[in-house]
Each structure stands twice: as C-alpha cells, then as structure tokens.
N, C-alpha and C. Protein backbone atom coordinates (compact mmCIF):
# COMPACT_ATOMS: atom_id res chain seq x y z
N UNK A 1 -18.89 -66.50 -41.67
CA UNK A 1 -19.21 -65.98 -40.57
C UNK A 1 -18.18 -66.49 -39.39
N UNK A 2 -17.96 -65.52 -38.64
CA UNK A 2 -17.13 -66.03 -37.50
C UNK A 2 -17.77 -65.26 -36.11
N UNK A 3 -17.93 -66.28 -35.46
CA UNK A 3 -18.35 -65.99 -34.04
C UNK A 3 -17.23 -66.21 -32.74
N UNK A 4 -17.23 -65.16 -32.06
CA UNK A 4 -16.15 -65.09 -30.92
C UNK A 4 -16.76 -65.31 -29.58
N UNK A 5 -16.63 -66.36 -28.69
CA UNK A 5 -17.05 -66.62 -27.37
C UNK A 5 -16.08 -66.03 -26.27
N UNK A 6 -16.58 -65.22 -25.51
CA UNK A 6 -16.01 -64.87 -24.27
C UNK A 6 -16.22 -65.30 -23.18
N UNK A 7 -15.62 -65.78 -22.14
CA UNK A 7 -16.09 -66.21 -21.02
C UNK A 7 -15.52 -65.08 -19.60
N UNK A 8 -16.60 -65.02 -19.16
CA UNK A 8 -16.25 -63.96 -17.97
C UNK A 8 -16.55 -64.70 -16.64
N UNK A 9 -15.70 -64.29 -15.56
CA UNK A 9 -16.18 -64.51 -14.42
C UNK A 9 -16.14 -63.28 -13.51
N UNK A 10 -17.47 -63.12 -13.09
CA UNK A 10 -17.84 -61.72 -12.38
C UNK A 10 -17.77 -61.60 -10.99
N UNK A 11 -17.10 -60.72 -10.60
CA UNK A 11 -17.12 -60.45 -9.18
C UNK A 11 -18.29 -60.25 -8.76
N UNK A 12 -18.88 -60.89 -7.58
CA UNK A 12 -20.39 -60.54 -7.30
C UNK A 12 -20.50 -59.00 -6.31
N UNK A 13 -19.30 -58.60 -6.09
CA UNK A 13 -19.46 -57.26 -5.79
C UNK A 13 -19.18 -56.11 -6.48
N UNK A 14 -19.21 -56.64 -7.75
CA UNK A 14 -18.93 -55.41 -8.95
C UNK A 14 -20.02 -55.65 -9.90
N UNK A 15 -21.30 -56.11 -9.72
CA UNK A 15 -22.21 -56.46 -10.65
C UNK A 15 -22.55 -55.20 -11.55
N UNK A 16 -22.82 -53.94 -10.89
CA UNK A 16 -22.85 -52.63 -11.50
C UNK A 16 -22.04 -52.44 -12.30
N UNK A 17 -20.71 -52.58 -12.03
CA UNK A 17 -19.69 -52.31 -13.05
C UNK A 17 -19.65 -53.28 -14.21
N UNK A 18 -20.00 -54.59 -13.95
CA UNK A 18 -20.12 -55.45 -15.21
C UNK A 18 -21.40 -55.15 -16.14
N UNK A 19 -22.21 -54.80 -15.70
CA UNK A 19 -23.55 -54.48 -16.40
C UNK A 19 -23.00 -53.13 -17.37
N UNK A 20 -22.58 -52.17 -16.61
CA UNK A 20 -21.97 -51.10 -17.31
C UNK A 20 -20.78 -51.62 -18.60
N UNK A 21 -19.96 -52.35 -18.40
CA UNK A 21 -19.05 -52.63 -19.25
C UNK A 21 -19.78 -53.35 -20.06
N UNK A 22 -20.63 -54.42 -19.94
CA UNK A 22 -21.32 -55.24 -20.97
C UNK A 22 -22.09 -54.33 -21.84
N UNK A 23 -23.00 -52.95 -21.55
CA UNK A 23 -23.44 -52.48 -22.31
C UNK A 23 -22.76 -51.66 -23.24
N UNK A 24 -21.55 -51.25 -22.57
CA UNK A 24 -20.66 -50.60 -23.35
C UNK A 24 -20.07 -51.28 -24.61
N UNK A 25 -19.82 -52.57 -24.45
CA UNK A 25 -19.12 -53.31 -25.54
C UNK A 25 -20.30 -53.86 -26.36
N UNK A 26 -21.33 -53.95 -26.21
CA UNK A 26 -22.51 -54.34 -26.96
C UNK A 26 -22.38 -53.01 -28.04
N UNK A 27 -22.40 -51.84 -27.58
CA UNK A 27 -22.34 -50.75 -28.41
C UNK A 27 -21.11 -50.72 -29.44
N UNK A 28 -19.97 -51.08 -28.80
CA UNK A 28 -18.58 -50.59 -29.24
C UNK A 28 -18.61 -52.04 -30.35
N UNK A 29 -18.95 -53.02 -30.20
CA UNK A 29 -18.79 -54.06 -31.04
C UNK A 29 -19.50 -53.83 -32.29
N UNK A 30 -20.87 -53.38 -31.97
CA UNK A 30 -21.85 -52.93 -33.47
C UNK A 30 -21.03 -51.70 -33.98
N UNK A 31 -20.75 -50.61 -33.53
CA UNK A 31 -20.17 -49.68 -34.02
C UNK A 31 -18.96 -50.15 -34.79
N UNK A 32 -18.06 -50.93 -34.67
CA UNK A 32 -16.72 -51.49 -35.24
C UNK A 32 -17.09 -52.52 -36.28
N UNK A 33 -18.40 -52.78 -36.53
CA UNK A 33 -18.26 -53.89 -37.63
C UNK A 33 -19.07 -55.15 -37.44
N UNK A 34 -19.16 -55.55 -36.01
CA UNK A 34 -19.32 -56.78 -35.48
C UNK A 34 -21.35 -56.61 -35.30
N UNK A 35 -21.66 -57.83 -34.89
CA UNK A 35 -22.71 -58.05 -34.34
C UNK A 35 -22.88 -58.47 -33.03
N UNK A 36 -23.20 -57.78 -31.71
CA UNK A 36 -22.84 -58.69 -30.64
C UNK A 36 -24.13 -59.14 -30.31
N UNK A 37 -24.26 -60.50 -29.81
CA UNK A 37 -25.61 -61.43 -29.80
C UNK A 37 -26.03 -61.21 -28.25
N UNK A 38 -25.06 -60.66 -27.22
CA UNK A 38 -25.55 -60.71 -25.98
C UNK A 38 -24.64 -61.45 -25.20
N UNK A 39 -25.27 -61.32 -23.71
CA UNK A 39 -24.64 -62.09 -22.41
C UNK A 39 -25.47 -63.07 -22.30
N UNK A 40 -24.66 -64.14 -21.96
CA UNK A 40 -25.41 -65.42 -21.61
C UNK A 40 -25.23 -65.91 -20.22
N UNK A 41 -26.02 -66.56 -19.40
CA UNK A 41 -25.60 -66.92 -17.87
C UNK A 41 -26.07 -68.52 -18.01
N UNK A 42 -25.32 -69.22 -17.32
CA UNK A 42 -25.61 -70.53 -17.20
C UNK A 42 -27.05 -70.79 -16.55
N UNK A 43 -27.74 -71.78 -16.69
CA UNK A 43 -29.16 -71.86 -16.27
C UNK A 43 -29.00 -72.78 -14.80
N UNK A 44 -27.96 -73.43 -14.54
CA UNK A 44 -27.44 -74.14 -13.58
C UNK A 44 -25.99 -73.86 -13.00
N UNK A 45 -25.59 -74.29 -11.84
CA UNK A 45 -24.25 -74.10 -11.30
C UNK A 45 -23.91 -72.80 -10.84
N UNK A 46 -22.63 -72.48 -11.14
CA UNK A 46 -22.23 -71.13 -10.85
C UNK A 46 -23.24 -69.85 -11.10
N UNK A 47 -23.06 -69.17 -10.24
CA UNK A 47 -24.05 -67.92 -10.78
C UNK A 47 -22.89 -66.58 -11.05
N UNK A 48 -21.77 -67.04 -11.09
CA UNK A 48 -20.80 -65.82 -11.62
C UNK A 48 -20.17 -66.03 -12.74
N UNK A 49 -20.81 -66.75 -13.59
CA UNK A 49 -20.00 -67.10 -14.76
C UNK A 49 -20.94 -66.46 -15.95
N UNK A 50 -20.38 -65.86 -17.05
CA UNK A 50 -21.23 -65.24 -18.21
C UNK A 50 -20.83 -65.56 -19.33
N UNK A 51 -21.24 -65.62 -20.54
CA UNK A 51 -20.36 -65.66 -21.71
C UNK A 51 -21.09 -64.70 -22.85
N UNK A 52 -20.25 -64.20 -23.70
CA UNK A 52 -20.70 -63.16 -24.75
C UNK A 52 -20.48 -63.78 -26.03
N UNK A 53 -21.07 -63.55 -26.73
CA UNK A 53 -21.01 -64.18 -28.36
C UNK A 53 -21.17 -62.94 -29.10
N UNK A 54 -20.13 -62.37 -30.00
CA UNK A 54 -20.51 -61.24 -31.01
C UNK A 54 -19.68 -61.98 -32.61
N UNK A 55 -20.45 -61.37 -33.70
CA UNK A 55 -20.13 -62.34 -34.85
C UNK A 55 -19.84 -61.30 -36.00
N UNK A 56 -18.98 -61.39 -36.54
CA UNK A 56 -18.73 -60.70 -37.89
C UNK A 56 -18.80 -61.55 -39.18
N UNK A 57 -18.90 -60.93 -40.16
CA UNK A 57 -19.42 -61.67 -41.58
C UNK A 57 -18.31 -62.26 -42.07
N UNK A 58 -16.80 -62.43 -41.72
CA UNK A 58 -15.72 -62.89 -42.19
C UNK A 58 -14.67 -62.87 -41.30
N UNK A 59 -13.42 -63.75 -41.40
CA UNK A 59 -12.52 -63.56 -40.86
C UNK A 59 -11.70 -62.17 -41.14
N UNK A 60 -11.73 -61.71 -42.32
CA UNK A 60 -11.40 -60.43 -42.51
C UNK A 60 -11.95 -59.33 -41.77
N UNK A 61 -13.21 -59.39 -41.75
CA UNK A 61 -13.99 -58.32 -40.99
C UNK A 61 -13.52 -58.28 -39.20
N UNK A 62 -13.44 -59.71 -38.97
CA UNK A 62 -12.84 -59.54 -37.58
C UNK A 62 -11.69 -59.04 -37.41
N UNK A 63 -10.77 -59.44 -38.20
CA UNK A 63 -9.41 -58.97 -38.20
C UNK A 63 -9.38 -57.42 -38.20
N UNK A 64 -10.24 -56.68 -39.24
CA UNK A 64 -10.42 -55.42 -39.33
C UNK A 64 -10.73 -54.79 -37.80
N UNK A 65 -12.15 -55.31 -37.24
CA UNK A 65 -12.24 -55.02 -36.06
C UNK A 65 -11.35 -54.94 -35.13
N UNK A 66 -10.26 -55.73 -35.00
CA UNK A 66 -9.40 -55.85 -34.00
C UNK A 66 -8.43 -54.52 -34.15
N UNK A 67 -8.38 -54.52 -35.32
CA UNK A 67 -7.33 -53.16 -35.76
C UNK A 67 -8.14 -51.72 -35.26
N UNK A 68 -9.51 -51.50 -35.75
CA UNK A 68 -9.94 -50.56 -35.20
C UNK A 68 -10.31 -50.46 -33.75
N UNK A 69 -10.24 -51.65 -33.22
CA UNK A 69 -10.61 -51.84 -31.68
C UNK A 69 -9.05 -51.24 -30.74
N UNK A 70 -8.17 -51.41 -31.41
CA UNK A 70 -6.87 -51.09 -30.99
C UNK A 70 -6.62 -49.65 -31.02
N UNK A 71 -7.18 -48.99 -31.95
CA UNK A 71 -7.03 -47.68 -32.12
C UNK A 71 -8.30 -46.65 -31.60
N UNK A 72 -9.05 -47.43 -31.13
CA UNK A 72 -10.44 -46.49 -30.95
C UNK A 72 -10.10 -45.98 -29.41
N UNK A 73 -10.36 -44.84 -28.99
CA UNK A 73 -10.32 -44.26 -27.88
C UNK A 73 -11.28 -44.79 -26.84
N UNK A 74 -12.47 -45.04 -27.14
CA UNK A 74 -13.56 -45.83 -26.52
C UNK A 74 -12.98 -46.96 -25.94
N UNK A 75 -12.38 -48.03 -26.62
CA UNK A 75 -12.34 -49.58 -26.44
C UNK A 75 -10.85 -49.36 -25.28
N UNK A 76 -9.98 -48.27 -25.21
CA UNK A 76 -9.07 -48.24 -24.39
C UNK A 76 -9.41 -48.33 -23.04
C-alpha cells in the first residue's frame, strides 16, 4: 500500500474555492483508482494549513493513477 501526503497552505480569502477544489479531488482520486482519506487540519497552531491523504494498493497503482490523471480532462 502507498499513501500520499499533500500539504496545503490555504488562502483565508479563498476558503470556498479550497472547499470546492477539495471535494473535486476526493471524487477524482477515487475515480482514478485511489482511496482519498480526506483533508485534515491541525488541532493547534496555524489555521491555514491542511493536509490530504490518499492511498493506492501498490506503487504500480499509484503510477497508473498519475498517467490517468495527466490525461483526464477533469484533472486539468
């Protein structure tokens, strides 16, 4: 199993846009063979940081996702 970790710095003036982006990527990761674990915020400290975790059953599956993602119109 391979889990990817992404760190985001959120613009506080664009929270609605980040929410839309986040919901879109949950669907896209799942559509392209992964499992999106969701977005996580720190319980202390800066309130403009988020991370996302998404998992693939193998490194080969993750590499296949990256190829599909590069060709998928919705991912562009």
